[in-house]
Amino acid sequence: MGRLVGLRDVTIAKVIENTDTTYQTDGPVKLFKAVSGKVTVKRSSEKITSDDEIEEILSDLDSIDVEFVGNKLTMQRIADIYGCRLVKGMLIDNQDDRPVEIALGFRAKETNGKYQFHWLYCGKFDGDDEQDYESKGEKPNPKTKTVKGTFYARKKDGNFRVRVHESELLGSENEAKQAIDSWFSQVQEPLEA
């Protein structure tokens, strides 16, 4: 496995159903061209002690914080993630707009030329929709777009992410190799043992 040296194909898919029995999404679409990204899995832990020593440590998933920076968000993608309306070329923001539940996929390149593939199953970009503006001046200063969100486990089975590290696949792991071939055509389901 090599070090990470690249990020690309930041992709979203609207979650249509997230219940105790069903998880279903729309087809994935590219969010933007990636500049950088960060995924932070937060867990809370509780130490249980007895006889003056730690007996056990209980750990629970709190949330998964994501922050991705891209070249720009089109008006359609803004509507897709923040729940505002795009009507005949006009993006209409309303006080009652709510972020849309989505799945988030991406891949990160390693120094060996292989990729790490990721899908986070459920979350919302709930950070502020912020855009910096600046006069060109003597030299242009191109702006990027940052999206921040919170992701969580899906209800069906508690899974919150599926990953494949291409450089670590064994010769017999053909199903994972096939999943890589169609990684961004659908949100990938975990393989069964």
Protein backbone atom coordinates (compact mmCIF):
# COMPACT_ATOMS: atom_id res chain seq x y z
CA MET A 1 0.00 0.00 0.00
CA GLY A 2 1.35 3.39 -0.96
CA ARG A 3 0.83 6.82 0.55
CA LEU A 4 -2.14 8.91 -0.55
CA VAL A 5 -1.32 11.40 -3.29
CA GLY A 6 -4.62 12.18 -4.99
CA LEU A 7 -8.38 12.55 -4.67
CA ARG A 8 -11.02 12.37 -7.37
CA ASP A 9 -14.56 11.41 -8.37
CA VAL A 10 -16.39 12.93 -5.39
CA THR A 11 -19.86 11.56 -6.08
CA ILE A 12 -23.27 11.75 -4.42
CA ALA A 13 -26.47 9.70 -4.65
CA LYS A 14 -29.78 10.77 -3.12
CA VAL A 15 -31.02 8.31 -0.49
CA ILE A 16 -34.58 7.40 -1.47
CA GLU A 17 -35.30 5.02 1.41
CA ASN A 18 -33.46 4.41 4.66
CA THR A 19 -35.57 2.15 6.91
CA ASP A 20 -35.02 -0.85 9.16
CA THR A 21 -35.55 -3.15 6.16
CA THR A 22 -34.64 -1.15 3.03
CA TYR A 23 -31.81 1.05 1.83
CA GLN A 24 -32.16 2.50 -1.68
CA THR A 25 -30.54 5.38 -3.55
CA ASP A 26 -30.87 7.19 -6.86
CA GLY A 27 -28.10 6.83 -9.40
CA PRO A 28 -24.84 8.56 -8.45
CA VAL A 29 -23.79 11.91 -9.95
CA LYS A 30 -20.46 13.70 -9.69
CA LEU A 31 -20.54 16.47 -7.06
CA PHE A 32 -17.53 18.47 -8.29
CA LYS A 33 -13.86 18.14 -9.21
CA ALA A 34 -12.01 17.41 -5.99
CA VAL A 35 -9.37 19.68 -4.47
CA SER A 36 -9.14 18.11 -1.00
CA GLY A 37 -11.20 16.12 1.47
CA LYS A 38 -11.30 14.95 5.05
CA VAL A 39 -13.36 12.23 6.75
CA THR A 40 -13.32 12.06 10.56
CA VAL A 41 -14.99 9.10 12.29
CA LYS A 42 -15.94 10.11 15.82
CA ARG A 43 -16.50 7.55 18.55
CA SER A 44 -17.29 8.00 22.20
CA SER A 45 -15.84 5.58 24.71
CA GLU A 46 -16.55 4.74 28.31
CA LYS A 47 -14.14 2.93 30.61
CA ILE A 48 -15.68 0.33 32.90
CA THR A 49 -13.55 -0.36 35.97
CA SER A 50 -13.58 -2.96 38.72
CA ASP A 51 -10.98 -3.99 41.28
CA ASP A 52 -9.12 -0.76 40.55
CA GLU A 53 -8.43 -1.64 36.90
CA ILE A 54 -10.04 -1.17 33.53
CA GLU A 55 -12.29 -4.11 32.89
CA GLU A 56 -13.65 -3.07 29.53
CA ILE A 57 -13.93 -0.08 27.21
CA LEU A 58 -17.31 0.47 25.56
CA SER A 59 -17.25 2.37 22.27
CA ASP A 60 -20.10 3.82 20.20
CA LEU A 61 -20.15 5.59 16.85
CA ASP A 62 -21.09 9.24 17.31
CA SER A 63 -20.86 10.63 13.79
CA ILE A 64 -18.71 10.91 10.72
CA ASP A 65 -17.73 14.47 9.87
CA VAL A 66 -16.83 15.17 6.27
CA GLU A 67 -15.35 18.21 4.60
CA PHE A 68 -14.63 18.29 0.89
CA VAL A 69 -13.27 21.14 -1.21
CA GLY A 70 -13.98 21.22 -4.93
CA ASN A 71 -13.65 23.48 -7.91
CA LYS A 72 -17.31 24.64 -7.85
CA LEU A 73 -20.87 23.53 -7.22
CA THR A 74 -23.32 23.87 -10.07
CA MET A 75 -26.79 25.18 -9.26
CA GLN A 76 -28.16 21.67 -9.81
CA ARG A 77 -25.76 20.18 -7.23
CA ILE A 78 -26.62 22.95 -4.73
CA ALA A 79 -30.28 22.00 -5.12
CA ASP A 80 -29.38 18.28 -4.86
CA ILE A 81 -27.64 18.63 -1.50
CA TYR A 82 -29.33 21.59 0.22
CA GLY A 83 -32.91 20.94 -0.86
CA CYS A 84 -33.53 24.28 -2.57
CA ARG A 85 -35.39 24.47 -5.90
CA LEU A 86 -33.96 24.96 -9.37
CA VAL A 87 -36.72 26.27 -11.66
CA LYS A 88 -36.05 27.25 -15.28
CA GLY A 89 -32.48 28.26 -14.52
CA MET A 90 -33.24 30.10 -11.25
CA LEU A 91 -32.04 28.69 -7.96
CA ILE A 92 -34.59 29.54 -5.29
CA ASP A 93 -33.58 29.35 -1.63
CA ASN A 94 -36.34 29.18 0.97
CA GLN A 95 -36.27 29.34 4.75
CA ASP A 96 -37.90 25.89 4.84
CA ASP A 97 -35.24 24.19 2.67
CA ARG A 98 -33.69 21.15 4.35
CA PRO A 99 -30.50 19.30 3.40
CA VAL A 100 -31.14 16.11 1.43
CA GLU A 101 -30.02 12.71 2.77
CA ILE A 102 -27.30 11.43 0.44
CA ALA A 103 -24.61 8.78 0.03
CA LEU A 104 -21.08 10.04 -0.70
CA GLY A 105 -18.46 8.22 -2.76
CA PHE A 106 -14.90 9.06 -3.77
CA ARG A 107 -11.54 7.51 -4.54
CA ALA A 108 -8.06 8.42 -3.32
CA LYS A 109 -4.92 7.61 -5.30
CA GLU A 110 -1.86 5.98 -3.73
CA THR A 111 1.77 6.48 -4.77
CA ASN A 112 1.73 2.98 -6.31
CA GLY A 113 -0.98 4.07 -8.80
CA LYS A 114 -3.75 2.07 -7.10
CA TYR A 115 -6.84 3.59 -5.50
CA GLN A 116 -8.78 3.42 -2.25
CA PHE A 117 -12.52 3.44 -3.01
CA HIS A 118 -15.10 4.70 -0.49
CA TRP A 119 -18.89 5.01 -0.08
CA LEU A 120 -20.43 6.62 3.01
CA TYR A 121 -24.05 5.47 3.14
CA CYS A 122 -26.07 8.23 4.83
CA GLY A 123 -25.54 11.85 5.64
CA LYS A 124 -26.33 15.46 4.97
CA PHE A 125 -24.24 18.45 4.02
CA ASP A 126 -25.47 20.53 6.90
CA GLY A 127 -22.74 23.13 7.05
CA ASP A 128 -23.29 26.69 5.96
CA ASP A 129 -23.63 27.33 2.24
CA GLU A 130 -20.78 29.81 2.14
CA GLN A 131 -19.14 31.44 -0.87
CA ASP A 132 -16.31 33.98 -0.86
CA TYR A 133 -16.33 36.77 -3.42
CA GLU A 134 -13.39 39.00 -4.30
CA SER A 135 -12.57 41.60 -6.91
CA LYS A 136 -10.05 40.39 -9.49
CA GLY A 137 -7.50 43.11 -8.77
CA GLU A 138 -4.15 42.77 -10.51
CA LYS A 139 -4.10 39.00 -10.28
CA PRO A 140 -7.08 36.61 -10.27
CA ASN A 141 -7.55 34.58 -7.09
CA PRO A 142 -9.74 31.60 -8.05
CA LYS A 143 -12.16 30.44 -5.34
CA THR A 144 -13.08 26.90 -4.38
CA LYS A 145 -16.24 25.50 -2.83
CA THR A 146 -16.26 23.73 0.54
CA VAL A 147 -19.05 21.42 1.67
CA LYS A 148 -19.26 20.13 5.23
CA GLY A 149 -21.58 17.48 6.53
CA THR A 150 -22.37 14.82 9.04
CA PHE A 151 -22.79 11.20 8.09
CA TYR A 152 -24.13 8.28 10.11
CA ALA A 153 -25.01 4.58 9.97
CA ARG A 154 -27.90 3.45 7.83
CA LYS A 155 -30.90 1.99 9.65
CA LYS A 156 -31.05 -1.33 7.78
CA ASP A 157 -27.89 -2.88 9.20
CA GLY A 158 -25.87 -0.20 10.99
CA ASN A 159 -23.27 -0.01 8.21
CA PHE A 160 -21.95 3.49 7.65
CA ARG A 161 -19.21 2.90 5.08
CA VAL A 162 -17.82 0.40 2.60
CA ARG A 163 -14.20 0.59 1.36
CA VAL A 164 -11.89 -1.26 -0.98
CA HIS A 165 -8.14 -0.68 -1.09
CA GLU A 166 -7.18 -1.84 -4.55
CA SER A 167 -3.53 -2.45 -3.64
CA GLU A 168 -4.49 -4.90 -0.87
CA LEU A 169 -6.81 -7.12 -2.90
CA LEU A 170 -5.78 -10.75 -3.11
CA GLY A 171 -5.94 -12.65 -6.39
CA SER A 172 -9.04 -14.54 -5.27
CA GLU A 173 -11.04 -11.45 -4.31
CA ASN A 174 -12.75 -11.12 -7.68
CA GLU A 175 -16.06 -9.78 -6.34
CA ALA A 176 -14.35 -6.75 -4.80
CA LYS A 177 -12.43 -6.22 -8.06
CA GLN A 178 -15.73 -6.30 -9.98
CA ALA A 179 -17.23 -3.79 -7.52
CA ILE A 180 -14.36 -1.39 -8.31
CA ASP A 181 -15.26 -1.57 -12.03
CA SER A 182 -18.75 -0.22 -11.29
CA TRP A 183 -17.95 1.77 -8.12
CA PHE A 184 -19.48 5.04 -9.27
CA SER A 185 -22.39 3.60 -11.28
CA GLN A 186 -24.22 2.66 -8.06
CA VAL A 187 -23.78 2.87 -4.31
CA GLN A 188 -21.94 -0.36 -3.50
CA GLU A 189 -23.42 -2.88 -1.10
CA PRO A 190 -21.11 -4.86 1.19
CA LEU A 191 -20.21 -8.34 0.01
CA GLU A 192 -21.57 -11.20 2.10
CA ALA A 193 -19.21 -13.73 3.65
